[in-house]
Amino acid sequence: MSPQTLVFASLLQQAAQPDLLDWQALRVGVEIHLLYGQPAKGPAAALLRYAPGAQVPEHQHLGYEHILVLQGSQSDANGCHQSGTLLASPPQSRHAIISEEGCVVLAIWAGPLQFTNET
């Protein structure tokens, strides 16, 4: 039996009304709406919602990370990334994230993350 294709119909419409989604706390000020997988263990995808001023500390990517900013903006060492921006972080890259105004992003991870200052 071959693996089932996952289909996320109306994902952009759902992300446009984030208060209607089921969110779980991920970090202080950052919530996750998991689509598939487990980000700490391997391939996964999720919507992330950052409260204004929320941040994610420096971490290294063990596989590609793709971030599509759907609402608001987020910043890293490469600058401030507005709604509509797609970011592709290659394996072994590192960055920290902050969202001054808050944002909703689609995150797709090919592999887990390792936080630089956490065990």
PDB file of N, CA and C in Angstrom:
ATOM      1  N   MET A   1       0.838  -1.174   0.000  1.00  0.00           N
ATOM      2  CA  MET A   1       0.000   0.000   0.000  1.00  0.00           C
ATOM      3  C   MET A   1       0.894   1.253   0.000  1.00  0.00           C
ATOM      4  N   SER A   2       0.633   2.176  -0.899  1.00  0.00           N
ATOM      5  CA  SER A   2       1.448   3.384  -0.992  1.00  0.00           C
ATOM      6  C   SER A   2       0.966   4.432   0.016  1.00  0.00           C
ATOM      7  N   PRO A   3       1.855   5.332   0.419  1.00  0.00           N
ATOM      8  CA  PRO A   3       1.467   6.380   1.376  1.00  0.00           C
ATOM      9  C   PRO A   3       0.354   7.260   0.810  1.00  0.00           C
ATOM     10  N   GLN A   4      -0.490   7.730   1.690  1.00  0.00           N
ATOM     11  CA  GLN A   4      -1.622   8.588   1.331  1.00  0.00           C
ATOM     12  C   GLN A   4      -1.141  10.024   1.113  1.00  0.00           C
ATOM     13  N   THR A   5      -1.574  10.646   0.039  1.00  0.00           N
ATOM     14  CA  THR A   5      -1.289  12.060  -0.203  1.00  0.00           C
ATOM     15  C   THR A   5      -2.141  12.901   0.732  1.00  0.00           C
ATOM     16  N   LEU A   6      -1.520  13.859   1.392  1.00  0.00           N
ATOM     17  CA  LEU A   6      -2.238  14.773   2.280  1.00  0.00           C
ATOM     18  C   LEU A   6      -2.693  15.976   1.470  1.00  0.00           C
ATOM     19  N   VAL A   7      -3.936  16.370   1.636  1.00  0.00           N
ATOM     20  CA  VAL A   7      -4.499  17.498   0.913  1.00  0.00           C
ATOM     21  C   VAL A   7      -5.025  18.499   1.945  1.00  0.00           C
ATOM     22  N   PHE A   8      -4.582  19.744   1.842  1.00  0.00           N
ATOM     23  CA  PHE A   8      -5.011  20.794   2.764  1.00  0.00           C
ATOM     24  C   PHE A   8      -5.802  21.829   1.976  1.00  0.00           C
ATOM     25  N   ALA A   9      -7.048  21.499   1.675  1.00  0.00           N
ATOM     26  CA  ALA A   9      -7.913  22.408   0.924  1.00  0.00           C
ATOM     27  C   ALA A   9      -8.208  23.646   1.770  1.00  0.00           C
ATOM     28  N   SER A  10      -8.268  24.783   1.136  1.00  0.00           N
ATOM     29  CA  SER A  10      -8.633  26.048   1.796  1.00  0.00           C
ATOM     30  C   SER A  10      -7.651  26.472   2.881  1.00  0.00           C
ATOM     31  N   LEU A  11      -6.401  26.050   2.790  1.00  0.00           N
ATOM     32  CA  LEU A  11      -5.424  26.392   3.828  1.00  0.00           C
ATOM     33  C   LEU A  11      -5.219  27.900   3.943  1.00  0.00           C
ATOM     34  N   LEU A  12      -5.156  28.597   2.820  1.00  0.00           N
ATOM     35  CA  LEU A  12      -4.968  30.049   2.883  1.00  0.00           C
ATOM     36  C   LEU A  12      -6.165  30.742   3.522  1.00  0.00           C
ATOM     37  N   GLN A  13      -7.357  30.256   3.236  1.00  0.00           N
ATOM     38  CA  GLN A  13      -8.553  30.836   3.846  1.00  0.00           C
ATOM     39  C   GLN A  13      -8.564  30.568   5.350  1.00  0.00           C
ATOM     40  N   GLN A  14      -8.147  29.378   5.758  1.00  0.00           N
ATOM     41  CA  GLN A  14      -8.084  29.062   7.185  1.00  0.00           C
ATOM     42  C   GLN A  14      -7.050  29.930   7.887  1.00  0.00           C
ATOM     43  N   ALA A  15      -5.906  30.111   7.258  1.00  0.00           N
ATOM     44  CA  ALA A  15      -4.848  30.929   7.855  1.00  0.00           C
ATOM     45  C   ALA A  15      -5.266  32.396   7.946  1.00  0.00           C
ATOM     46  N   ALA A  16      -6.164  32.820   7.069  1.00  0.00           N
ATOM     47  CA  ALA A  16      -6.642  34.201   7.096  1.00  0.00           C
ATOM     48  C   ALA A  16      -7.590  34.453   8.266  1.00  0.00           C
ATOM     49  N   GLN A  17      -8.084  33.378   8.880  1.00  0.00           N
ATOM     50  CA  GLN A  17      -8.955  33.478  10.055  1.00  0.00           C
ATOM     51  C   GLN A  17      -8.354  32.650  11.187  1.00  0.00           C
ATOM     52  N   PRO A  18      -7.176  33.037  11.660  1.00  0.00           N
ATOM     53  CA  PRO A  18      -6.442  32.194  12.612  1.00  0.00           C
ATOM     54  C   PRO A  18      -7.177  31.922  13.920  1.00  0.00           C
ATOM     55  N   ASP A  19      -8.069  32.800  14.332  1.00  0.00           N
ATOM     56  CA  ASP A  19      -8.772  32.574  15.595  1.00  0.00           C
ATOM     57  C   ASP A  19      -9.721  31.381  15.536  1.00  0.00           C
ATOM     58  N   LEU A  20     -10.015  30.894  14.331  1.00  0.00           N
ATOM     59  CA  LEU A  20     -10.901  29.746  14.176  1.00  0.00           C
ATOM     60  C   LEU A  20     -10.158  28.404  14.221  1.00  0.00           C
ATOM     61  N   LEU A  21      -8.827  28.451  14.242  1.00  0.00           N
ATOM     62  CA  LEU A  21      -8.020  27.223  14.247  1.00  0.00           C
ATOM     63  C   LEU A  21      -7.694  26.785  15.669  1.00  0.00           C
ATOM     64  N   ASP A  22      -7.356  25.518  15.808  1.00  0.00           N
ATOM     65  CA  ASP A  22      -6.937  24.949  17.088  1.00  0.00           C
ATOM     66  C   ASP A  22      -5.429  25.151  17.229  1.00  0.00           C
ATOM     67  N   TRP A  23      -5.009  25.987  18.149  1.00  0.00           N
ATOM     68  CA  TRP A  23      -3.596  26.307  18.369  1.00  0.00           C
ATOM     69  C   TRP A  23      -3.112  25.675  19.666  1.00  0.00           C
ATOM     70  N   GLN A  24      -1.852  25.260  19.662  1.00  0.00           N
ATOM     71  CA  GLN A  24      -1.192  24.737  20.856  1.00  0.00           C
ATOM     72  C   GLN A  24       0.021  25.617  21.150  1.00  0.00           C
ATOM     73  N   ALA A  25       0.318  25.816  22.412  1.00  0.00           N
ATOM     74  CA  ALA A  25       1.499  26.606  22.789  1.00  0.00           C
ATOM     75  C   ALA A  25       2.753  25.868  22.333  1.00  0.00           C
ATOM     76  N   LEU A  26       3.669  26.606  21.706  1.00  0.00           N
ATOM     77  CA  LEU A  26       4.949  26.042  21.265  1.00  0.00           C
ATOM     78  C   LEU A  26       6.092  26.631  22.088  1.00  0.00           C
ATOM     79  N   ARG A  27       6.122  27.939  22.178  1.00  0.00           N
ATOM     80  CA  ARG A  27       7.090  28.699  22.966  1.00  0.00           C
ATOM     81  C   ARG A  27       6.329  29.904  23.494  1.00  0.00           C
ATOM     82  N   VAL A  28       6.932  30.674  24.355  1.00  0.00           N
ATOM     83  CA  VAL A  28       6.274  31.880  24.849  1.00  0.00           C
ATOM     84  C   VAL A  28       5.956  32.786  23.660  1.00  0.00           C
ATOM     85  N   GLY A  29       4.679  33.071  23.454  1.00  0.00           N
ATOM     86  CA  GLY A  29       4.254  33.958  22.378  1.00  0.00           C
ATOM     87  C   GLY A  29       4.147  33.316  21.005  1.00  0.00           C
ATOM     88  N   VAL A  30       4.444  32.024  20.890  1.00  0.00           N
ATOM     89  CA  VAL A  30       4.382  31.329  19.596  1.00  0.00           C
ATOM     90  C   VAL A  30       3.480  30.108  19.750  1.00  0.00           C
ATOM     91  N   GLU A  31       2.503  30.009  18.839  1.00  0.00           N
ATOM     92  CA  GLU A  31       1.572  28.885  18.851  1.00  0.00           C
ATOM     93  C   GLU A  31       1.702  28.104  17.547  1.00  0.00           C
ATOM     94  N   ILE A  32       1.307  26.830  17.605  1.00  0.00           N
ATOM     95  CA  ILE A  32       1.425  25.954  16.446  1.00  0.00           C
ATOM     96  C   ILE A  32       0.086  25.279  16.154  1.00  0.00           C
ATOM     97  N   HIS A  33      -0.228  25.201  14.873  1.00  0.00           N
ATOM     98  CA  HIS A  33      -1.360  24.409  14.372  1.00  0.00           C
ATOM     99  C   HIS A  33      -0.729  23.364  13.451  1.00  0.00           C
ATOM    100  N   LEU A  34      -0.499  22.179  13.971  1.00  0.00           N
ATOM    101  CA  LEU A  34       0.226  21.127  13.257  1.00  0.00           C
ATOM    102  C   LEU A  34      -0.602  20.588  12.102  1.00  0.00           C
ATOM    103  N   LEU A  35       0.045  20.460  10.943  1.00  0.00           N
ATOM    104  CA  LEU A  35      -0.595  19.883   9.760  1.00  0.00           C
ATOM    105  C   LEU A  35      -0.224  18.412   9.606  1.00  0.00           C
ATOM    106  N   TYR A  36       1.051  18.081   9.802  1.00  0.00           N
ATOM    107  CA  TYR A  36       1.493  16.687   9.797  1.00  0.00           C
ATOM    108  C   TYR A  36       2.864  16.599  10.438  1.00  0.00           C
ATOM    109  N   GLY A  37       3.239  15.404  10.869  1.00  0.00           N
ATOM    110  CA  GLY A  37       4.560  15.143  11.424  1.00  0.00           C
ATOM    111  C   GLY A  37       4.762  15.737  12.799  1.00  0.00           C
ATOM    112  N   GLN A  38       6.008  15.652  13.243  1.00  0.00           N
ATOM    113  CA  GLN A  38       6.430  16.223  14.515  1.00  0.00           C
ATOM    114  C   GLN A  38       7.738  16.963  14.280  1.00  0.00           C
ATOM    115  N   PRO A  39       7.712  18.305  14.333  1.00  0.00           N
ATOM    116  CA  PRO A  39       8.903  19.094  13.975  1.00  0.00           C
ATOM    117  C   PRO A  39      10.177  18.715  14.725  1.00  0.00           C
ATOM    118  N   ALA A  40      10.068  18.260  15.958  1.00  0.00           N
ATOM    119  CA  ALA A  40      11.265  17.917  16.730  1.00  0.00           C
ATOM    120  C   ALA A  40      11.878  16.597  16.294  1.00  0.00           C
ATOM    121  N   LYS A  41      11.136  15.822  15.510  1.00  0.00           N
ATOM    122  CA  LYS A  41      11.599  14.477  15.176  1.00  0.00           C
ATOM    123  C   LYS A  41      11.900  14.242  13.707  1.00  0.00           C
ATOM    124  N   GLY A  42      11.355  15.070  12.804  1.00  0.00           N
ATOM    125  CA  GLY A  42      11.569  14.828  11.386  1.00  0.00           C
ATOM    126  C   GLY A  42      10.676  15.696  10.541  1.00  0.00           C
ATOM    127  N   PRO A  43      10.381  15.246   9.322  1.00  0.00           N
ATOM    128  CA  PRO A  43       9.574  16.055   8.414  1.00  0.00           C
ATOM    129  C   PRO A  43       8.231  16.428   9.045  1.00  0.00           C
ATOM    130  N   ALA A  44       7.839  17.696   8.834  1.00  0.00           N
ATOM    131  CA  ALA A  44       6.596  18.187   9.422  1.00  0.00           C
ATOM    132  C   ALA A  44       6.187  19.475   8.724  1.00  0.00           C
ATOM    133  N   ALA A  45       4.931  19.847   8.914  1.00  0.00           N
ATOM    134  CA  ALA A  45       4.431  21.131   8.426  1.00  0.00           C
ATOM    135  C   ALA A  45       3.421  21.656   9.439  1.00  0.00           C
ATOM    136  N   ALA A  46       3.366  22.984   9.560  1.00  0.00           N
ATOM    137  CA  ALA A  46       2.461  23.598  10.522  1.00  0.00           C
ATOM    138  C   ALA A  46       2.254  25.060  10.176  1.00  0.00           C
ATOM    139  N   LEU A  47       1.165  25.593  10.688  1.00  0.00           N
ATOM    140  CA  LEU A  47       1.010  27.039  10.740  1.00  0.00           C
ATOM    141  C   LEU A  47       1.548  27.474  12.091  1.00  0.00           C
ATOM    142  N   LEU A  48       2.295  28.561  12.106  1.00  0.00           N
ATOM    143  CA  LEU A  48       2.796  29.145  13.346  1.00  0.00           C
ATOM    144  C   LEU A  48       2.213  30.536  13.484  1.00  0.00           C
ATOM    145  N   ARG A  49       1.802  30.875  14.699  1.00  0.00           N
ATOM    146  CA  ARG A  49       1.283  32.217  14.964  1.00  0.00           C
ATOM    147  C   ARG A  49       2.141  32.849  16.058  1.00  0.00           C
ATOM    148  N   TYR A  50       2.753  33.979  15.704  1.00  0.00           N
ATOM    149  CA  TYR A  50       3.601  34.729  16.625  1.00  0.00           C
ATOM    150  C   TYR A  50       2.812  35.920  17.165  1.00  0.00           C
ATOM    151  N   ALA A  51       2.807  36.099  18.466  1.00  0.00           N
ATOM    152  CA  ALA A  51       2.257  37.310  19.075  1.00  0.00           C
ATOM    153  C   ALA A  51       3.247  38.451  18.814  1.00  0.00           C
ATOM    154  N   PRO A  52       2.792  39.693  18.847  1.00  0.00           N
ATOM    155  CA  PRO A  52       3.736  40.806  18.675  1.00  0.00           C
ATOM    156  C   PRO A  52       4.894  40.710  19.675  1.00  0.00           C
ATOM    157  N   GLY A  53       6.107  40.814  19.160  1.00  0.00           N
ATOM    158  CA  GLY A  53       7.309  40.745  19.977  1.00  0.00           C
ATOM    159  C   GLY A  53       7.813  39.341  20.261  1.00  0.00           C
ATOM    160  N   ALA A  54       7.102  38.312  19.840  1.00  0.00           N
ATOM    161  CA  ALA A  54       7.514  36.928  20.104  1.00  0.00           C
ATOM    162  C   ALA A  54       8.764  36.583  19.310  1.00  0.00           C
ATOM    163  N   GLN A  55       9.527  35.667  19.863  1.00  0.00           N
ATOM    164  CA  GLN A  55      10.763  35.270  19.190  1.00  0.00           C
ATOM    165  C   GLN A  55      11.063  33.790  19.404  1.00  0.00           C
ATOM    166  N   VAL A  56      11.860  33.258  18.491  1.00  0.00           N
ATOM    167  CA  VAL A  56      12.376  31.893  18.579  1.00  0.00           C
ATOM    168  C   VAL A  56      13.894  32.030  18.604  1.00  0.00           C
ATOM    169  N   PRO A  57      14.551  31.445  19.619  1.00  0.00           N
ATOM    170  CA  PRO A  57      16.008  31.607  19.731  1.00  0.00           C
ATOM    171  C   PRO A  57      16.765  30.929  18.597  1.00  0.00           C
ATOM    172  N   GLU A  58      18.043  31.217  18.535  1.00  0.00           N
ATOM    173  CA  GLU A  58      18.878  30.658  17.469  1.00  0.00           C
ATOM    174  C   GLU A  58      18.759  29.130  17.441  1.00  0.00           C
ATOM    175  N   HIS A  59      18.619  28.627  16.224  1.00  0.00           N
ATOM    176  CA  HIS A  59      18.532  27.193  16.008  1.00  0.00           C
ATOM    177  C   HIS A  59      19.170  26.849  14.671  1.00  0.00           C
ATOM    178  N   GLN A  60      19.567  25.590  14.558  1.00  0.00           N
ATOM    179  CA  GLN A  60      20.183  25.078  13.335  1.00  0.00           C
ATOM    180  C   GLN A  60      19.214  24.107  12.677  1.00  0.00           C
ATOM    181  N   HIS A  61      19.162  24.179  11.350  1.00  0.00           N
ATOM    182  CA  HIS A  61      18.296  23.293  10.580  1.00  0.00           C
ATOM    183  C   HIS A  61      19.076  22.055  10.151  1.00  0.00           C
ATOM    184  N   LEU A  62      18.521  20.875  10.421  1.00  0.00           N
ATOM    185  CA  LEU A  62      19.162  19.633   9.994  1.00  0.00           C
ATOM    186  C   LEU A  62      18.687  19.212   8.608  1.00  0.00           C
ATOM    187  N   GLY A  63      17.596  19.810   8.157  1.00  0.00           N
ATOM    188  CA  GLY A  63      17.075  19.646   6.805  1.00  0.00           C
ATOM    189  C   GLY A  63      16.567  20.998   6.358  1.00  0.00           C
ATOM    190  N   TYR A  64      16.088  21.090   5.139  1.00  0.00           N
ATOM    191  CA  TYR A  64      15.545  22.364   4.659  1.00  0.00           C
ATOM    192  C   TYR A  64      14.360  22.805   5.514  1.00  0.00           C
ATOM    193  N   GLU A  65      14.246  24.116   5.699  1.00  0.00           N
ATOM    194  CA  GLU A  65      13.058  24.724   6.292  1.00  0.00           C
ATOM    195  C   GLU A  65      12.523  25.730   5.285  1.00  0.00           C
ATOM    196  N   HIS A  66      11.226  25.632   4.999  1.00  0.00           N
ATOM    197  CA  HIS A  66      10.569  26.603   4.132  1.00  0.00           C
ATOM    198  C   HIS A  66       9.537  27.342   4.966  1.00  0.00           C
ATOM    199  N   ILE A  67       9.588  28.661   4.927  1.00  0.00           N
ATOM    200  CA  ILE A  67       8.644  29.518   5.643  1.00  0.00           C
ATOM    201  C   ILE A  67       7.974  30.433   4.632  1.00  0.00           C
ATOM    202  N   LEU A  68       6.642  30.397   4.602  1.00  0.00           N
ATOM    203  CA  LEU A  68       5.869  31.326   3.799  1.00  0.00           C
ATOM    204  C   LEU A  68       5.143  32.248   4.766  1.00  0.00           C
ATOM    205  N   VAL A  69       5.485  33.527   4.740  1.00  0.00           N
ATOM    206  CA  VAL A  69       4.851  34.505   5.625  1.00  0.00           C
ATOM    207  C   VAL A  69       3.473  34.822   5.034  1.00  0.00           C
ATOM    208  N   LEU A  70       2.426  34.494   5.801  1.00  0.00           N
ATOM    209  CA  LEU A  70       1.054  34.662   5.327  1.00  0.00           C
ATOM    210  C   LEU A  70       0.424  35.972   5.796  1.00  0.00           C
ATOM    211  N   GLN A  71       0.764  36.381   7.015  1.00  0.00           N
ATOM    212  CA  GLN A  71       0.259  37.627   7.593  1.00  0.00           C
ATOM    213  C   GLN A  71       1.355  38.242   8.431  1.00  0.00           C
ATOM    214  N   GLY A  72       1.409  39.575   8.479  1.00  0.00           N
ATOM    215  CA  GLY A  72       2.385  40.250   9.320  1.00  0.00           C
ATOM    216  C   GLY A  72       3.787  40.147   8.755  1.00  0.00           C
ATOM    217  N   SER A  73       4.764  40.088   9.653  1.00  0.00           N
ATOM    218  CA  SER A  73       6.164  39.987   9.228  1.00  0.00           C
ATOM    219  C   SER A  73       6.985  39.328  10.326  1.00  0.00           C
ATOM    220  N   GLN A  74       8.113  38.780   9.911  1.00  0.00           N
ATOM    221  CA  GLN A  74       9.093  38.256  10.860  1.00  0.00           C
ATOM    222  C   GLN A  74      10.472  38.662  10.384  1.00  0.00           C
ATOM    223  N   SER A  75      11.396  38.749  11.333  1.00  0.00           N
ATOM    224  CA  SER A  75      12.748  39.200  11.016  1.00  0.00           C
ATOM    225  C   SER A  75      13.772  38.185  11.493  1.00  0.00           C
ATOM    226  N   ASP A  76      14.885  38.136  10.749  1.00  0.00           N
ATOM    227  CA  ASP A  76      16.061  37.379  11.157  1.00  0.00           C
ATOM    228  C   ASP A  76      17.276  38.157  10.679  1.00  0.00           C
ATOM    229  N   ALA A  77      18.447  37.561  10.714  1.00  0.00           N
ATOM    230  CA  ALA A  77      19.672  38.258  10.318  1.00  0.00           C
ATOM    231  C   ALA A  77      19.651  38.697   8.854  1.00  0.00           C
ATOM    232  N   ASN A  78      18.754  38.129   8.049  1.00  0.00           N
ATOM    233  CA  ASN A  78      18.653  38.487   6.628  1.00  0.00           C
ATOM    234  C   ASN A  78      17.710  39.648   6.372  1.00  0.00           C
ATOM    235  N   GLY A  79      17.047  40.150   7.411  1.00  0.00           N
ATOM    236  CA  GLY A  79      16.160  41.296   7.251  1.00  0.00           C
ATOM    237  C   GLY A  79      14.755  41.013   7.730  1.00  0.00           C
ATOM    238  N   CYS A  80      13.853  41.932   7.413  1.00  0.00           N
ATOM    239  CA  CYS A  80      12.446  41.833   7.778  1.00  0.00           C
ATOM    240  C   CYS A  80      11.681  41.267   6.584  1.00  0.00           C
ATOM    241  N   HIS A  81      10.925  40.212   6.811  1.00  0.00           N
ATOM    242  CA  HIS A  81      10.246  39.489   5.744  1.00  0.00           C
ATOM    243  C   HIS A  81       8.740  39.687   5.878  1.00  0.00           C
ATOM    244  N   GLN A  82       8.163  40.367   4.898  1.00  0.00           N
ATOM    245  CA  GLN A  82       6.754  40.733   4.898  1.00  0.00           C
ATOM    246  C   GLN A  82       5.878  39.606   4.337  1.00  0.00           C
ATOM    247  N   SER A  83       4.580  39.756   4.535  1.00  0.00           N
ATOM    248  CA  SER A  83       3.589  38.834   4.002  1.00  0.00           C
ATOM    249  C   SER A  83       3.847  38.586   2.516  1.00  0.00           C
ATOM    250  N   GLY A  84       3.802  37.321   2.118  1.00  0.00           N
ATOM    251  CA  GLY A  84       4.055  36.940   0.731  1.00  0.00           C
ATOM    252  C   GLY A  84       5.472  36.470   0.486  1.00  0.00           C
ATOM    253  N   THR A  85       6.362  36.606   1.465  1.00  0.00           N
ATOM    254  CA  THR A  85       7.766  36.200   1.321  1.00  0.00           C
ATOM    255  C   THR A  85       7.916  34.710   1.612  1.00  0.00           C
ATOM    256  N   LEU A  86       8.670  34.028   0.756  1.00  0.00           N
ATOM    257  CA  LEU A  86       9.032  32.631   0.980  1.00  0.00           C
ATOM    258  C   LEU A  86      10.507  32.577   1.339  1.00  0.00           C
ATOM    259  N   LEU A  87      10.813  31.956   2.463  1.00  0.00           N
ATOM    260  CA  LEU A  87      12.198  31.790   2.918  1.00  0.00           C
ATOM    261  C   LEU A  87      12.556  30.308   2.848  1.00  0.00           C
ATOM    262  N   ALA A  88      13.719  29.994   2.315  1.00  0.00           N
ATOM    263  CA  ALA A  88      14.199  28.617   2.258  1.00  0.00           C
ATOM    264  C   ALA A  88      15.553  28.561   2.952  1.00  0.00           C
ATOM    265  N   SER A  89      15.576  27.963   4.131  1.00  0.00           N
ATOM    266  CA  SER A  89      16.812  27.833   4.905  1.00  0.00           C
ATOM    267  C   SER A  89      17.393  26.446   4.655  1.00  0.00           C
ATOM    268  N   PRO A  90      18.624  26.373   4.125  1.00  0.00           N
ATOM    269  CA  PRO A  90      19.212  25.070   3.801  1.00  0.00           C
ATOM    270  C   PRO A  90      19.714  24.332   5.045  1.00  0.00           C
ATOM    271  N   PRO A  91      19.951  23.035   4.919  1.00  0.00           N
ATOM    272  CA  PRO A  91      20.513  22.273   6.028  1.00  0.00           C
ATOM    273  C   PRO A  91      21.798  22.913   6.538  1.00  0.00           C
ATOM    274  N   GLN A  92      21.963  22.874   7.843  1.00  0.00           N
ATOM    275  CA  GLN A  92      23.109  23.412   8.581  1.00  0.00           C
ATOM    276  C   GLN A  92      23.050  24.932   8.766  1.00  0.00           C
ATOM    277  N   SER A  93      22.044  25.614   8.189  1.00  0.00           N
ATOM    278  CA  SER A  93      21.926  27.056   8.413  1.00  0.00           C
ATOM    279  C   SER A  93      21.375  27.303   9.811  1.00  0.00           C
ATOM    280  N   ARG A  94      21.669  28.503  10.325  1.00  0.00           N
ATOM    281  CA  ARG A  94      21.236  28.905  11.674  1.00  0.00           C
ATOM    282  C   ARG A  94      20.599  30.276  11.599  1.00  0.00           C
ATOM    283  N   HIS A  95      19.609  30.481  12.454  1.00  0.00           N
ATOM    284  CA  HIS A  95      19.043  31.813  12.602  1.00  0.00           C
ATOM    285  C   HIS A  95      18.155  31.865  13.839  1.00  0.00           C
ATOM    286  N   ALA A  96      17.852  33.090  14.280  1.00  0.00           N
ATOM    287  CA  ALA A  96      16.866  33.362  15.322  1.00  0.00           C
ATOM    288  C   ALA A  96      15.785  34.202  14.664  1.00  0.00           C
ATOM    289  N   ILE A  97      14.573  34.131  15.181  1.00  0.00           N
ATOM    290  CA  ILE A  97      13.435  34.820  14.594  1.00  0.00           C
ATOM    291  C   ILE A  97      12.802  35.735  15.632  1.00  0.00           C
ATOM    292  N   ILE A  98      12.348  36.896  15.189  1.00  0.00           N
ATOM    293  CA  ILE A  98      11.510  37.765  15.998  1.00  0.00           C
ATOM    294  C   ILE A  98      10.414  38.330  15.100  1.00  0.00           C
ATOM    295  N   SER A  99       9.243  38.510  15.678  1.00  0.00           N
ATOM    296  CA  SER A  99       8.147  39.132  14.947  1.00  0.00           C
ATOM    297  C   SER A  99       7.672  40.329  15.767  1.00  0.00           C
ATOM    298  N   GLU A 100       8.117  41.499  15.375  1.00  0.00           N
ATOM    299  CA  GLU A 100       7.770  42.714  16.118  1.00  0.00           C
ATOM    300  C   GLU A 100       6.270  42.966  16.126  1.00  0.00           C
ATOM    301  N   GLU A 101       5.600  42.762  14.979  1.00  0.00           N
ATOM    302  CA  GLU A 101       4.173  43.066  14.865  1.00  0.00           C
ATOM    303  C   GLU A 101       3.286  41.837  15.003  1.00  0.00           C
ATOM    304  N   GLY A 102       3.889  40.652  15.077  1.00  0.00           N
ATOM    305  CA  GLY A 102       3.135  39.413  15.064  1.00  0.00           C
ATOM    306  C   GLY A 102       2.987  38.921  13.635  1.00  0.00           C
ATOM    307  N   CYS A 103       2.756  37.621  13.470  1.00  0.00           N
ATOM    308  CA  CYS A 103       2.606  37.067  12.127  1.00  0.00           C
ATOM    309  C   CYS A 103       2.000  35.675  12.186  1.00  0.00           C
ATOM    310  N   VAL A 104       1.566  35.220  11.024  1.00  0.00           N
ATOM    311  CA  VAL A 104       1.159  33.833  10.802  1.00  0.00           C
ATOM    312  C   VAL A 104       1.987  33.346   9.627  1.00  0.00           C
ATOM    313  N   VAL A 105       2.640  32.191   9.788  1.00  0.00           N
ATOM    314  CA  VAL A 105       3.470  31.631   8.727  1.00  0.00           C
ATOM    315  C   VAL A 105       3.131  30.163   8.523  1.00  0.00           C
ATOM    316  N   LEU A 106       3.360  29.700   7.306  1.00  0.00           N
ATOM    317  CA  LEU A 106       3.340  28.272   7.003  1.00  0.00           C
ATOM    318  C   LEU A 106       4.787  27.809   7.082  1.00  0.00           C
ATOM    319  N   ALA A 107       5.051  26.828   7.932  1.00  0.00           N
ATOM    320  CA  ALA A 107       6.400  26.283   8.092  1.00  0.00           C
ATOM    321  C   ALA A 107       6.405  24.830   7.616  1.00  0.00           C
ATOM    322  N   ILE A 108       7.389  24.497   6.768  1.00  0.00           N
ATOM    323  CA  ILE A 108       7.564  23.125   6.295  1.00  0.00           C
ATOM    324  C   ILE A 108       9.011  22.737   6.572  1.00  0.00           C
ATOM    325  N   TRP A 109       9.162  21.696   7.391  1.00  0.00           N
ATOM    326  CA  TRP A 109      10.495  21.252   7.785  1.00  0.00           C
ATOM    327  C   TRP A 109      10.797  19.893   7.169  1.00  0.00           C
ATOM    328  N   ALA A 110      11.957  19.761   6.519  1.00  0.00           N
ATOM    329  CA  ALA A 110      12.386  18.477   5.965  1.00  0.00           C
ATOM    330  C   ALA A 110      13.066  17.626   7.028  1.00  0.00           C
ATOM    331  N   GLY A 111      13.470  18.247   8.116  1.00  0.00           N
ATOM    332  CA  GLY A 111      14.130  17.539   9.212  1.00  0.00           C
ATOM    333  C   GLY A 111      14.009  18.351  10.478  1.00  0.00           C
ATOM    334  N   PRO A 112      14.464  17.809  11.585  1.00  0.00           N
ATOM    335  CA  PRO A 112      14.322  18.495  12.870  1.00  0.00           C
ATOM    336  C   PRO A 112      15.236  19.709  13.005  1.00  0.00           C
ATOM    337  N   LEU A 113      14.967  20.489  14.051  1.00  0.00           N
ATOM    338  CA  LEU A 113      15.785  21.651  14.401  1.00  0.00           C
ATOM    339  C   LEU A 113      16.598  21.311  15.641  1.00  0.00           C
ATOM    340  N   GLN A 114      17.742  21.964  15.788  1.00  0.00           N
ATOM    341  CA  GLN A 114      18.516  21.874  17.022  1.00  0.00           C
ATOM    342  C   GLN A 114      18.691  23.296  17.539  1.00  0.00           C
ATOM    343  N   PHE A 115      18.208  23.522  18.776  1.00  0.00           N
ATOM    344  CA  PHE A 115      18.355  24.842  19.373  1.00  0.00           C
ATOM    345  C   PHE A 115      19.762  24.986  19.918  1.00  0.00           C
ATOM    346  N   THR A 116      20.386  26.105  19.614  1.00  0.00           N
ATOM    347  CA  THR A 116      21.795  26.338  19.922  1.00  0.00           C
ATOM    348  C   THR A 116      22.082  26.310  21.414  1.00  0.00           C
ATOM    349  N   ASN A 117      21.246  26.948  22.217  1.00  0.00           N
ATOM    350  CA  ASN A 117      21.526  27.071  23.650  1.00  0.00           C
ATOM    351  C   ASN A 117      20.580  26.265  24.502  1.00  0.00           C
ATOM    352  N   GLU A 118      19.988  25.223  23.948  1.00  0.00           N
ATOM    353  CA  GLU A 118      19.084  24.359  24.711  1.00  0.00           C
ATOM    354  C   GLU A 118      19.528  22.922  24.532  1.00  0.00           C
ATOM    355  N   THR A 119      19.249  22.120  25.513  1.00  0.00           N
ATOM    356  CA  THR A 119      19.584  20.694  25.419  1.00  0.00           C
ATOM    357  C   THR A 119      18.342  19.860  25.269  1.00  0.00           C
TER     358      THR A 119
END
